[in-house]
Amino acid sequence: MTEKKQTEQTAFQIHRQDNVATALAPLSPGPVRLTGEADQPGLTALEEIPDGHKIAVTDIRAETPIIKYGIPIGTATADISRGAWVHLHCMRSNYDERSSHLDLRTGVPTDSEYL
């Protein structure tokens, strides 16, 4: 019987003050090693997180800033648990007023009808 080799999951924390890190490949529930300026070696992903998306490195309370690059990039719209996917379903962007109207996976606007 051959054992399937499990690849290490990794996320990159850009700045020590960030409360999110970026998935370097799609993440599945389970251990994730943190690289970059992380002050902790890792965490546990709670759900599937697409490549390039954010994972919470701390618990984030609703209405508090989402910090990336050491600056606020958005605001949590719900409580977010450490290890959870951080995206448009639980945050609003400081930079795109329409972000709450974009499809979570594709980024296609859902508030416009295309003929």
PDB file of N, CA and C in Angstrom:
ATOM      1  N   MET A   1       0.853  -1.177   0.000  1.00  0.00           N
ATOM      2  CA  MET A   1       0.000   0.000   0.000  1.00  0.00           C
ATOM      3  C   MET A   1       0.897   1.238   0.000  1.00  0.00           C
ATOM      4  N   THR A   2       0.598   2.201  -0.859  1.00  0.00           N
ATOM      5  CA  THR A   2       1.374   3.441  -0.950  1.00  0.00           C
ATOM      6  C   THR A   2       0.681   4.535  -0.163  1.00  0.00           C
ATOM      7  N   GLU A   3       1.467   5.263   0.609  1.00  0.00           N
ATOM      8  CA  GLU A   3       0.911   6.385   1.355  1.00  0.00           C
ATOM      9  C   GLU A   3       0.950   7.633   0.490  1.00  0.00           C
ATOM     10  N   LYS A   4      -0.134   8.399   0.524  1.00  0.00           N
ATOM     11  CA  LYS A   4      -0.178   9.656  -0.221  1.00  0.00           C
ATOM     12  C   LYS A   4       0.580  10.708   0.584  1.00  0.00           C
ATOM     13  N   LYS A   5       1.568  11.339  -0.057  1.00  0.00           N
ATOM     14  CA  LYS A   5       2.354  12.366   0.618  1.00  0.00           C
ATOM     15  C   LYS A   5       1.534  13.651   0.713  1.00  0.00           C
ATOM     16  N   GLN A   6       1.398  14.171   1.918  1.00  0.00           N
ATOM     17  CA  GLN A   6       0.655  15.408   2.125  1.00  0.00           C
ATOM     18  C   GLN A   6       1.608  16.591   1.972  1.00  0.00           C
ATOM     19  N   THR A   7       1.237  17.547   1.120  1.00  0.00           N
ATOM     20  CA  THR A   7       2.072  18.723   0.936  1.00  0.00           C
ATOM     21  C   THR A   7       1.753  19.739   2.017  1.00  0.00           C
ATOM     22  N   GLU A   8       2.769  20.469   2.402  1.00  0.00           N
ATOM     23  CA  GLU A   8       2.607  21.491   3.434  1.00  0.00           C
ATOM     24  C   GLU A   8       1.820  22.674   2.888  1.00  0.00           C
ATOM     25  N   GLN A   9       0.864  23.125   3.649  1.00  0.00           N
ATOM     26  CA  GLN A   9       0.089  24.304   3.275  1.00  0.00           C
ATOM     27  C   GLN A   9       0.761  25.532   3.876  1.00  0.00           C
ATOM     28  N   THR A  10       0.825  26.615   3.091  1.00  0.00           N
ATOM     29  CA  THR A  10       1.537  27.803   3.526  1.00  0.00           C
ATOM     30  C   THR A  10       0.747  29.067   3.220  1.00  0.00           C
ATOM     31  N   ALA A  11       0.823  30.025   4.139  1.00  0.00           N
ATOM     32  CA  ALA A  11       0.252  31.357   3.925  1.00  0.00           C
ATOM     33  C   ALA A  11       1.307  32.379   4.316  1.00  0.00           C
ATOM     34  N   PHE A  12       1.284  33.524   3.658  1.00  0.00           N
ATOM     35  CA  PHE A  12       2.297  34.560   3.855  1.00  0.00           C
ATOM     36  C   PHE A  12       1.690  35.761   4.573  1.00  0.00           C
ATOM     37  N   GLN A  13       2.241  36.098   5.742  1.00  0.00           N
ATOM     38  CA  GLN A  13       1.820  37.289   6.485  1.00  0.00           C
ATOM     39  C   GLN A  13       2.793  38.402   6.120  1.00  0.00           C
ATOM     40  N   ILE A  14       2.297  39.436   5.454  1.00  0.00           N
ATOM     41  CA  ILE A  14       3.152  40.490   4.907  1.00  0.00           C
ATOM     42  C   ILE A  14       3.780  41.362   5.991  1.00  0.00           C
ATOM     43  N   HIS A  15       2.995  41.754   6.977  1.00  0.00           N
ATOM     44  CA  HIS A  15       3.449  42.681   8.017  1.00  0.00           C
ATOM     45  C   HIS A  15       3.077  42.108   9.386  1.00  0.00           C
ATOM     46  N   ARG A  16       3.922  42.327  10.360  1.00  0.00           N
ATOM     47  CA  ARG A  16       3.695  41.774  11.703  1.00  0.00           C
ATOM     48  C   ARG A  16       2.354  42.208  12.301  1.00  0.00           C
ATOM     49  N   GLN A  17       1.858  43.393  11.945  1.00  0.00           N
ATOM     50  CA  GLN A  17       0.585  43.871  12.497  1.00  0.00           C
ATOM     51  C   GLN A  17      -0.640  43.330  11.767  1.00  0.00           C
ATOM     52  N   ASP A  18      -0.439  42.640  10.640  1.00  0.00           N
ATOM     53  CA  ASP A  18      -1.576  42.123   9.869  1.00  0.00           C
ATOM     54  C   ASP A  18      -2.380  41.111  10.676  1.00  0.00           C
ATOM     55  N   ASN A  19      -3.706  41.156  10.508  1.00  0.00           N
ATOM     56  CA  ASN A  19      -4.547  40.126  11.133  1.00  0.00           C
ATOM     57  C   ASN A  19      -5.013  39.104  10.094  1.00  0.00           C
ATOM     58  N   VAL A  20      -4.436  39.177   8.889  1.00  0.00           N
ATOM     59  CA  VAL A  20      -4.675  38.192   7.833  1.00  0.00           C
ATOM     60  C   VAL A  20      -3.350  37.818   7.179  1.00  0.00           C
ATOM     61  N   ALA A  21      -3.334  36.642   6.564  1.00  0.00           N
ATOM     62  CA  ALA A  21      -2.207  36.206   5.737  1.00  0.00           C
ATOM     63  C   ALA A  21      -2.795  35.766   4.405  1.00  0.00           C
ATOM     64  N   THR A  22      -1.949  35.639   3.395  1.00  0.00           N
ATOM     65  CA  THR A  22      -2.400  35.279   2.052  1.00  0.00           C
ATOM     66  C   THR A  22      -2.044  33.826   1.755  1.00  0.00           C
ATOM     67  N   ALA A  23      -3.037  33.053   1.296  1.00  0.00           N
ATOM     68  CA  ALA A  23      -2.819  31.653   0.928  1.00  0.00           C
ATOM     69  C   ALA A  23      -1.924  31.594  -0.304  1.00  0.00           C
ATOM     70  N   LEU A  24      -0.818  30.857  -0.234  1.00  0.00           N
ATOM     71  CA  LEU A  24       0.114  30.747  -1.355  1.00  0.00           C
ATOM     72  C   LEU A  24      -0.299  29.662  -2.350  1.00  0.00           C
ATOM     73  N   ALA A  25      -1.284  28.874  -1.970  1.00  0.00           N
ATOM     74  CA  ALA A  25      -1.909  27.850  -2.809  1.00  0.00           C
ATOM     75  C   ALA A  25      -3.270  27.600  -2.167  1.00  0.00           C
ATOM     76  N   PRO A  26      -4.180  26.928  -2.857  1.00  0.00           N
ATOM     77  CA  PRO A  26      -5.471  26.655  -2.211  1.00  0.00           C
ATOM     78  C   PRO A  26      -5.259  25.913  -0.883  1.00  0.00           C
ATOM     79  N   LEU A  27      -5.991  26.316   0.137  1.00  0.00           N
ATOM     80  CA  LEU A  27      -5.872  25.698   1.464  1.00  0.00           C
ATOM     81  C   LEU A  27      -7.089  24.821   1.736  1.00  0.00           C
ATOM     82  N   SER A  28      -6.844  23.691   2.371  1.00  0.00           N
ATOM     83  CA  SER A  28      -7.897  22.805   2.850  1.00  0.00           C
ATOM     84  C   SER A  28      -7.897  22.872   4.363  1.00  0.00           C
ATOM     85  N   PRO A  29      -8.993  22.485   5.007  1.00  0.00           N
ATOM     86  CA  PRO A  29      -8.983  22.470   6.470  1.00  0.00           C
ATOM     87  C   PRO A  29      -7.796  21.659   6.990  1.00  0.00           C
ATOM     88  N   GLY A  30      -7.070  22.253   7.934  1.00  0.00           N
ATOM     89  CA  GLY A  30      -5.909  21.577   8.499  1.00  0.00           C
ATOM     90  C   GLY A  30      -4.773  22.543   8.766  1.00  0.00           C
ATOM     91  N   PRO A  31      -3.589  22.020   9.113  1.00  0.00           N
ATOM     92  CA  PRO A  31      -2.451  22.856   9.479  1.00  0.00           C
ATOM     93  C   PRO A  31      -1.955  23.727   8.325  1.00  0.00           C
ATOM     94  N   VAL A  32      -1.601  24.972   8.669  1.00  0.00           N
ATOM     95  CA  VAL A  32      -1.044  25.927   7.705  1.00  0.00           C
ATOM     96  C   VAL A  32       0.182  26.563   8.338  1.00  0.00           C
ATOM     97  N   ARG A  33       1.322  26.504   7.642  1.00  0.00           N
ATOM     98  CA  ARG A  33       2.534  27.162   8.120  1.00  0.00           C
ATOM     99  C   ARG A  33       2.483  28.621   7.685  1.00  0.00           C
ATOM    100  N   LEU A  34       2.814  29.528   8.609  1.00  0.00           N
ATOM    101  CA  LEU A  34       2.863  30.954   8.299  1.00  0.00           C
ATOM    102  C   LEU A  34       4.301  31.364   8.023  1.00  0.00           C
ATOM    103  N   THR A  35       4.486  32.151   6.963  1.00  0.00           N
ATOM    104  CA  THR A  35       5.800  32.680   6.613  1.00  0.00           C
ATOM    105  C   THR A  35       5.705  34.203   6.583  1.00  0.00           C
ATOM    106  N   GLY A  36       6.803  34.859   6.271  1.00  0.00           N
ATOM    107  CA  GLY A  36       6.822  36.319   6.237  1.00  0.00           C
ATOM    108  C   GLY A  36       7.091  36.859   7.626  1.00  0.00           C
ATOM    109  N   GLU A  37       6.347  37.889   8.009  1.00  0.00           N
ATOM    110  CA  GLU A  37       6.547  38.532   9.312  1.00  0.00           C
ATOM    111  C   GLU A  37       5.640  37.972  10.399  1.00  0.00           C
ATOM    112  N   ALA A  38       5.239  36.736  10.258  1.00  0.00           N
ATOM    113  CA  ALA A  38       4.361  36.098  11.243  1.00  0.00           C
ATOM    114  C   ALA A  38       5.063  35.969  12.585  1.00  0.00           C
ATOM    115  N   ASP A  39       4.329  36.221  13.663  1.00  0.00           N
ATOM    116  CA  ASP A  39       4.898  36.033  15.000  1.00  0.00           C
ATOM    117  C   ASP A  39       4.454  34.708  15.608  1.00  0.00           C
ATOM    118  N   GLN A  40       3.841  33.856  14.786  1.00  0.00           N
ATOM    119  CA  GLN A  40       3.451  32.521  15.199  1.00  0.00           C
ATOM    120  C   GLN A  40       3.810  31.563  14.067  1.00  0.00           C
ATOM    121  N   PRO A  41       4.144  30.320  14.373  1.00  0.00           N
ATOM    122  CA  PRO A  41       4.601  29.408  13.323  1.00  0.00           C
ATOM    123  C   PRO A  41       3.496  28.944  12.378  1.00  0.00           C
ATOM    124  N   GLY A  42       2.274  28.922  12.868  1.00  0.00           N
ATOM    125  CA  GLY A  42       1.204  28.435  12.015  1.00  0.00           C
ATOM    126  C   GLY A  42      -0.144  28.508  12.695  1.00  0.00           C
ATOM    127  N   LEU A  43      -1.141  27.974  11.986  1.00  0.00           N
ATOM    128  CA  LEU A  43      -2.509  27.942  12.491  1.00  0.00           C
ATOM    129  C   LEU A  43      -3.238  26.830  11.766  1.00  0.00           C
ATOM    130  N   THR A  44      -4.518  26.676  12.050  1.00  0.00           N
ATOM    131  CA  THR A  44      -5.329  25.653  11.417  1.00  0.00           C
ATOM    132  C   THR A  44      -6.381  26.311  10.536  1.00  0.00           C
ATOM    133  N   ALA A  45      -6.367  25.991   9.243  1.00  0.00           N
ATOM    134  CA  ALA A  45      -7.416  26.477   8.338  1.00  0.00           C
ATOM    135  C   ALA A  45      -8.716  25.775   8.717  1.00  0.00           C
ATOM    136  N   LEU A  46      -9.783  26.545   8.827  1.00  0.00           N
ATOM    137  CA  LEU A  46     -11.082  26.000   9.226  1.00  0.00           C
ATOM    138  C   LEU A  46     -11.935  25.573   8.038  1.00  0.00           C
ATOM    139  N   GLU A  47     -11.555  26.028   6.834  1.00  0.00           N
ATOM    140  CA  GLU A  47     -12.366  25.763   5.653  1.00  0.00           C
ATOM    141  C   GLU A  47     -11.494  25.872   4.410  1.00  0.00           C
ATOM    142  N   GLU A  48     -12.060  25.558   3.260  1.00  0.00           N
ATOM    143  CA  GLU A  48     -11.368  25.719   1.988  1.00  0.00           C
ATOM    144  C   GLU A  48     -11.133  27.214   1.755  1.00  0.00           C
ATOM    145  N   ILE A  49      -9.916  27.572   1.364  1.00  0.00           N
ATOM    146  CA  ILE A  49      -9.572  28.967   1.082  1.00  0.00           C
ATOM    147  C   ILE A  49      -8.847  28.996  -0.257  1.00  0.00           C
ATOM    148  N   PRO A  50      -9.389  29.742  -1.231  1.00  0.00           N
ATOM    149  CA  PRO A  50      -8.764  29.771  -2.560  1.00  0.00           C
ATOM    150  C   PRO A  50      -7.365  30.398  -2.538  1.00  0.00           C
ATOM    151  N   ASP A  51      -6.573  30.003  -3.504  1.00  0.00           N
ATOM    152  CA  ASP A  51      -5.238  30.544  -3.742  1.00  0.00           C
ATOM    153  C   ASP A  51      -5.307  32.073  -3.828  1.00  0.00           C
ATOM    154  N   GLY A  52      -4.427  32.753  -3.100  1.00  0.00           N
ATOM    155  CA  GLY A  52      -4.367  34.213  -3.155  1.00  0.00           C
ATOM    156  C   GLY A  52      -5.358  34.921  -2.248  1.00  0.00           C
ATOM    157  N   HIS A  53      -6.224  34.162  -1.577  1.00  0.00           N
ATOM    158  CA  HIS A  53      -7.197  34.775  -0.675  1.00  0.00           C
ATOM    159  C   HIS A  53      -6.643  34.842   0.741  1.00  0.00           C
ATOM    160  N   LYS A  54      -7.357  35.549   1.605  1.00  0.00           N
ATOM    161  CA  LYS A  54      -6.882  35.812   2.959  1.00  0.00           C
ATOM    162  C   LYS A  54      -7.404  34.780   3.952  1.00  0.00           C
ATOM    163  N   ILE A  55      -6.559  34.478   4.953  1.00  0.00           N
ATOM    164  CA  ILE A  55      -6.921  33.648   6.093  1.00  0.00           C
ATOM    165  C   ILE A  55      -6.679  34.483   7.346  1.00  0.00           C
ATOM    166  N   ALA A  56      -7.617  34.441   8.288  1.00  0.00           N
ATOM    167  CA  ALA A  56      -7.472  35.200   9.533  1.00  0.00           C
ATOM    168  C   ALA A  56      -6.397  34.566  10.409  1.00  0.00           C
ATOM    169  N   VAL A  57      -5.432  35.380  10.871  1.00  0.00           N
ATOM    170  CA  VAL A  57      -4.389  34.861  11.757  1.00  0.00           C
ATOM    171  C   VAL A  57      -4.732  35.118  13.220  1.00  0.00           C
ATOM    172  N   THR A  58      -5.792  35.880  13.463  1.00  0.00           N
ATOM    173  CA  THR A  58      -6.320  36.108  14.809  1.00  0.00           C
ATOM    174  C   THR A  58      -7.844  36.122  14.691  1.00  0.00           C
ATOM    175  N   ASP A  59      -8.535  36.026  15.812  1.00  0.00           N
ATOM    176  CA  ASP A  59      -9.977  36.264  15.800  1.00  0.00           C
ATOM    177  C   ASP A  59     -10.183  37.744  15.495  1.00  0.00           C
ATOM    178  N   ILE A  60     -11.142  38.041  14.620  1.00  0.00           N
ATOM    179  CA  ILE A  60     -11.426  39.419  14.223  1.00  0.00           C
ATOM    180  C   ILE A  60     -12.894  39.692  14.518  1.00  0.00           C
ATOM    181  N   ARG A  61     -13.154  40.694  15.330  1.00  0.00           N
ATOM    182  CA  ARG A  61     -14.532  41.044  15.704  1.00  0.00           C
ATOM    183  C   ARG A  61     -15.195  41.863  14.600  1.00  0.00           C
ATOM    184  N   ALA A  62     -16.505  41.722  14.478  1.00  0.00           N
ATOM    185  CA  ALA A  62     -17.268  42.514  13.512  1.00  0.00           C
ATOM    186  C   ALA A  62     -17.011  43.996  13.743  1.00  0.00           C
ATOM    187  N   GLU A  63     -16.972  44.746  12.662  1.00  0.00           N
ATOM    188  CA  GLU A  63     -16.776  46.202  12.655  1.00  0.00           C
ATOM    189  C   GLU A  63     -15.363  46.630  13.050  1.00  0.00           C
ATOM    190  N   THR A  64     -14.406  45.698  13.055  1.00  0.00           N
ATOM    191  CA  THR A  64     -13.013  46.076  13.294  1.00  0.00           C
ATOM    192  C   THR A  64     -12.243  45.982  11.974  1.00  0.00           C
ATOM    193  N   PRO A  65     -11.122  46.685  11.862  1.00  0.00           N
ATOM    194  CA  PRO A  65     -10.368  46.709  10.607  1.00  0.00           C
ATOM    195  C   PRO A  65      -9.758  45.358  10.233  1.00  0.00           C
ATOM    196  N   ILE A  66      -9.736  45.092   8.942  1.00  0.00           N
ATOM    197  CA  ILE A  66      -8.951  44.000   8.371  1.00  0.00           C
ATOM    198  C   ILE A  66      -7.618  44.652   7.997  1.00  0.00           C
ATOM    199  N   ILE A  67      -6.527  44.162   8.586  1.00  0.00           N
ATOM    200  CA  ILE A  67      -5.207  44.766   8.390  1.00  0.00           C
ATOM    201  C   ILE A  67      -4.360  43.873   7.491  1.00  0.00           C
ATOM    202  N   LYS A  68      -3.859  44.458   6.392  1.00  0.00           N
ATOM    203  CA  LYS A  68      -2.933  43.783   5.471  1.00  0.00           C
ATOM    204  C   LYS A  68      -1.948  44.845   5.004  1.00  0.00           C
ATOM    205  N   TYR A  69      -0.711  44.496   4.822  1.00  0.00           N
ATOM    206  CA  TYR A  69       0.370  45.449   4.490  1.00  0.00           C
ATOM    207  C   TYR A  69       0.605  46.416   5.648  1.00  0.00           C
ATOM    208  N   GLY A  70       0.114  46.083   6.848  1.00  0.00           N
ATOM    209  CA  GLY A  70       0.253  46.963   8.002  1.00  0.00           C
ATOM    210  C   GLY A  70      -0.750  48.102   8.019  1.00  0.00           C
ATOM    211  N   ILE A  71      -1.723  48.096   7.096  1.00  0.00           N
ATOM    212  CA  ILE A  71      -2.740  49.160   7.032  1.00  0.00           C
ATOM    213  C   ILE A  71      -4.138  48.545   6.907  1.00  0.00           C
ATOM    214  N   PRO A  72      -5.164  49.284   7.315  1.00  0.00           N
ATOM    215  CA  PRO A  72      -6.534  48.767   7.153  1.00  0.00           C
ATOM    216  C   PRO A  72      -6.923  48.734   5.668  1.00  0.00           C
ATOM    217  N   ILE A  73      -7.367  47.556   5.200  1.00  0.00           N
ATOM    218  CA  ILE A  73      -7.833  47.430   3.813  1.00  0.00           C
ATOM    219  C   ILE A  73      -9.341  47.262   3.749  1.00  0.00           C
ATOM    220  N   GLY A  74      -9.966  47.055   4.900  1.00  0.00           N
ATOM    221  CA  GLY A  74     -11.403  46.847   4.953  1.00  0.00           C
ATOM    222  C   GLY A  74     -11.874  46.725   6.379  1.00  0.00           C
ATOM    223  N   THR A  75     -13.150  46.380   6.525  1.00  0.00           N
ATOM    224  CA  THR A  75     -13.767  46.233   7.841  1.00  0.00           C
ATOM    225  C   THR A  75     -14.539  44.923   7.881  1.00  0.00           C
ATOM    226  N   ALA A  76     -14.398  44.193   8.973  1.00  0.00           N
ATOM    227  CA  ALA A  76     -15.142  42.945   9.141  1.00  0.00           C
ATOM    228  C   ALA A  76     -16.629  43.260   9.268  1.00  0.00           C
ATOM    229  N   THR A  77     -17.467  42.522   8.542  1.00  0.00           N
ATOM    230  CA  THR A  77     -18.915  42.701   8.628  1.00  0.00           C
ATOM    231  C   THR A  77     -19.546  41.653   9.534  1.00  0.00           C
ATOM    232  N   ALA A  78     -18.731  40.721  10.015  1.00  0.00           N
ATOM    233  CA  ALA A  78     -19.166  39.667  10.937  1.00  0.00           C
ATOM    234  C   ALA A  78     -17.954  39.248  11.750  1.00  0.00           C
ATOM    235  N   ASP A  79     -18.174  38.555  12.851  1.00  0.00           N
ATOM    236  CA  ASP A  79     -17.046  37.993  13.602  1.00  0.00           C
ATOM    237  C   ASP A  79     -16.366  36.953  12.713  1.00  0.00           C
ATOM    238  N   ILE A  80     -15.030  36.953  12.716  1.00  0.00           N
ATOM    239  CA  ILE A  80     -14.247  36.030  11.893  1.00  0.00           C
ATOM    240  C   ILE A  80     -13.309  35.267  12.823  1.00  0.00           C
ATOM    241  N   SER A  81     -13.374  33.952  12.769  1.00  0.00           N
ATOM    242  CA  SER A  81     -12.519  33.118  13.616  1.00  0.00           C
ATOM    243  C   SER A  81     -11.136  32.959  13.027  1.00  0.00           C
ATOM    244  N   ARG A  82     -10.150  32.819  13.886  1.00  0.00           N
ATOM    245  CA  ARG A  82      -8.781  32.522  13.467  1.00  0.00           C
ATOM    246  C   ARG A  82      -8.810  31.265  12.608  1.00  0.00           C
ATOM    247  N   GLY A  83      -8.214  31.346  11.416  1.00  0.00           N
ATOM    248  CA  GLY A  83      -8.194  30.202  10.511  1.00  0.00           C
ATOM    249  C   GLY A  83      -9.301  30.222   9.470  1.00  0.00           C
ATOM    250  N   ALA A  84     -10.194  31.212   9.539  1.00  0.00           N
ATOM    251  CA  ALA A  84     -11.302  31.298   8.584  1.00  0.00           C
ATOM    252  C   ALA A  84     -10.915  32.087   7.345  1.00  0.00           C
ATOM    253  N   TRP A  85     -11.653  31.858   6.276  1.00  0.00           N
ATOM    254  CA  TRP A  85     -11.498  32.572   5.013  1.00  0.00           C
ATOM    255  C   TRP A  85     -11.995  33.996   5.196  1.00  0.00           C
ATOM    256  N   VAL A  86     -11.194  34.971   4.821  1.00  0.00           N
ATOM    257  CA  VAL A  86     -11.562  36.389   4.910  1.00  0.00           C
ATOM    258  C   VAL A  86     -11.721  36.900   3.480  1.00  0.00           C
ATOM    259  N   HIS A  87     -12.954  37.212   3.122  1.00  0.00           N
ATOM    260  CA  HIS A  87     -13.236  37.682   1.765  1.00  0.00           C
ATOM    261  C   HIS A  87     -14.531  38.485   1.807  1.00  0.00           C
ATOM    262  N   LEU A  88     -15.125  38.736   0.669  1.00  0.00           N
ATOM    263  CA  LEU A  88     -16.268  39.644   0.563  1.00  0.00           C
ATOM    264  C   LEU A  88     -17.507  39.194   1.328  1.00  0.00           C
ATOM    265  N   HIS A  89     -17.588  37.931   1.723  1.00  0.00           N
ATOM    266  CA  HIS A  89     -18.738  37.452   2.484  1.00  0.00           C
ATOM    267  C   HIS A  89     -18.678  37.874   3.956  1.00  0.00           C
ATOM    268  N   CYS A  90     -17.511  38.341   4.408  1.00  0.00           N
ATOM    269  CA  CYS A  90     -17.378  38.705   5.829  1.00  0.00           C
ATOM    270  C   CYS A  90     -16.614  40.019   6.028  1.00  0.00           C
ATOM    271  N   MET A  91     -16.381  40.760   4.942  1.00  0.00           N
ATOM    272  CA  MET A  91     -15.701  42.058   5.053  1.00  0.00           C
ATOM    273  C   MET A  91     -16.181  42.974   3.939  1.00  0.00           C
ATOM    274  N   ARG A  92     -15.998  44.272   4.161  1.00  0.00           N
ATOM    275  CA  ARG A  92     -16.217  45.236   3.077  1.00  0.00           C
ATOM    276  C   ARG A  92     -14.901  45.958   2.854  1.00  0.00           C
ATOM    277  N   SER A  93     -14.638  46.240   1.605  1.00  0.00           N
ATOM    278  CA  SER A  93     -13.374  46.852   1.202  1.00  0.00           C
ATOM    279  C   SER A  93     -13.374  48.345   1.489  1.00  0.00           C
ATOM    280  N   ASN A  94     -12.218  48.876   1.853  1.00  0.00           N
ATOM    281  CA  ASN A  94     -12.046  50.324   1.984  1.00  0.00           C
ATOM    282  C   ASN A  94     -11.815  50.966   0.622  1.00  0.00           C
ATOM    283  N   TYR A  95     -11.567  50.151  -0.396  1.00  0.00           N
ATOM    284  CA  TYR A  95     -11.140  50.680  -1.686  1.00  0.00           C
ATOM    285  C   TYR A  95     -12.161  50.505  -2.804  1.00  0.00           C
ATOM    286  N   ASP A  96     -13.153  49.664  -2.632  1.00  0.00           N
ATOM    287  CA  ASP A  96     -14.108  49.396  -3.696  1.00  0.00           C
ATOM    288  C   ASP A  96     -15.514  49.380  -3.112  1.00  0.00           C
ATOM    289  N   GLU A  97     -16.271  50.452  -3.349  1.00  0.00           N
ATOM    290  CA  GLU A  97     -17.627  50.554  -2.813  1.00  0.00           C
ATOM    291  C   GLU A  97     -18.533  49.436  -3.322  1.00  0.00           C
ATOM    292  N   ARG A  98     -18.219  48.883  -4.486  1.00  0.00           N
ATOM    293  CA  ARG A  98     -19.059  47.834  -5.059  1.00  0.00           C
ATOM    294  C   ARG A  98     -18.653  46.445  -4.596  1.00  0.00           C
ATOM    295  N   SER A  99     -17.654  46.311  -3.757  1.00  0.00           N
ATOM    296  CA  SER A  99     -17.140  44.987  -3.413  1.00  0.00           C
ATOM    297  C   SER A  99     -18.200  44.061  -2.832  1.00  0.00           C
ATOM    298  N   SER A 100     -19.213  44.606  -2.172  1.00  0.00           N
ATOM    299  CA  SER A 100     -20.249  43.743  -1.601  1.00  0.00           C
ATOM    300  C   SER A 100     -21.185  43.204  -2.679  1.00  0.00           C
ATOM    301  N   HIS A 101     -21.040  43.664  -3.923  1.00  0.00           N
ATOM    302  CA  HIS A 101     -21.883  43.205  -5.025  1.00  0.00           C
ATOM    303  C   HIS A 101     -21.117  42.330  -6.015  1.00  0.00           C
ATOM    304  N   LEU A 102     -19.970  41.811  -5.610  1.00  0.00           N
ATOM    305  CA  LEU A 102     -19.167  40.967  -6.498  1.00  0.00           C
ATOM    306  C   LEU A 102     -19.319  39.503  -6.102  1.00  0.00           C
ATOM    307  N   ASP A 103     -19.342  38.620  -7.094  1.00  0.00           N
ATOM    308  CA  ASP A 103     -19.392  37.189  -6.839  1.00  0.00           C
ATOM    309  C   ASP A 103     -18.137  36.781  -6.058  1.00  0.00           C
ATOM    310  N   LEU A 104     -18.313  35.966  -5.029  1.00  0.00           N
ATOM    311  CA  LEU A 104     -17.190  35.596  -4.158  1.00  0.00           C
ATOM    312  C   LEU A 104     -16.063  34.887  -4.888  1.00  0.00           C
ATOM    313  N   ARG A 105     -16.358  34.029  -5.831  1.00  0.00           N
ATOM    314  CA  ARG A 105     -15.329  33.232  -6.505  1.00  0.00           C
ATOM    315  C   ARG A 105     -14.784  33.900  -7.763  1.00  0.00           C
ATOM    316  N   THR A 106     -15.666  34.558  -8.534  1.00  0.00           N
ATOM    317  CA  THR A 106     -15.231  35.067  -9.838  1.00  0.00           C
ATOM    318  C   THR A 106     -14.948  36.558  -9.851  1.00  0.00           C
ATOM    319  N   GLY A 107     -15.529  37.321  -8.897  1.00  0.00           N
ATOM    320  CA  GLY A 107     -15.369  38.762  -8.886  1.00  0.00           C
ATOM    321  C   GLY A 107     -16.297  39.477  -9.859  1.00  0.00           C
ATOM    322  N   VAL A 108     -17.178  38.741 -10.528  1.00  0.00           N
ATOM    323  CA  VAL A 108     -18.124  39.329 -11.477  1.00  0.00           C
ATOM    324  C   VAL A 108     -19.194  40.096 -10.701  1.00  0.00           C
ATOM    325  N   PRO A 109     -19.535  41.323 -11.125  1.00  0.00           N
ATOM    326  CA  PRO A 109     -20.590  42.087 -10.454  1.00  0.00           C
ATOM    327  C   PRO A 109     -21.927  41.347 -10.494  1.00  0.00           C
ATOM    328  N   THR A 110     -22.616  41.310  -9.366  1.00  0.00           N
ATOM    329  CA  THR A 110     -23.943  40.672  -9.308  1.00  0.00           C
ATOM    330  C   THR A 110     -25.051  41.720  -9.287  1.00  0.00           C
ATOM    331  N   ASP A 111     -24.683  42.996  -9.295  1.00  0.00           N
ATOM    332  CA  ASP A 111     -25.698  44.064  -9.247  1.00  0.00           C
ATOM    333  C   ASP A 111     -25.953  44.672 -10.619  1.00  0.00           C
ATOM    334  N   SER A 112     -25.398  44.035 -11.660  1.00  0.00           N
ATOM    335  CA  SER A 112     -25.603  44.530 -13.032  1.00  0.00           C
ATOM    336  C   SER A 112     -26.140  43.398 -13.892  1.00  0.00           C
ATOM    337  N   GLU A 113     -27.033  43.753 -14.815  1.00  0.00           N
ATOM    338  CA  GLU A 113     -27.559  42.759 -15.728  1.00  0.00           C
ATOM    339  C   GLU A 113     -26.859  42.940 -17.066  1.00  0.00           C
ATOM    340  N   TYR A 114     -26.302  41.862 -17.577  1.00  0.00           N
ATOM    341  CA  TYR A 114     -25.600  41.904 -18.859  1.00  0.00           C
ATOM    342  C   TYR A 114     -26.473  41.249 -19.913  1.00  0.00           C
ATOM    343  N   LEU A 115     -26.597  41.909 -21.043  1.00  0.00           N
ATOM    344  CA  LEU A 115     -27.434  41.379 -22.127  1.00  0.00           C
ATOM    345  C   LEU A 115     -26.616  40.581 -23.097  1.00  0.00           C
TER     346      LEU A 115
END
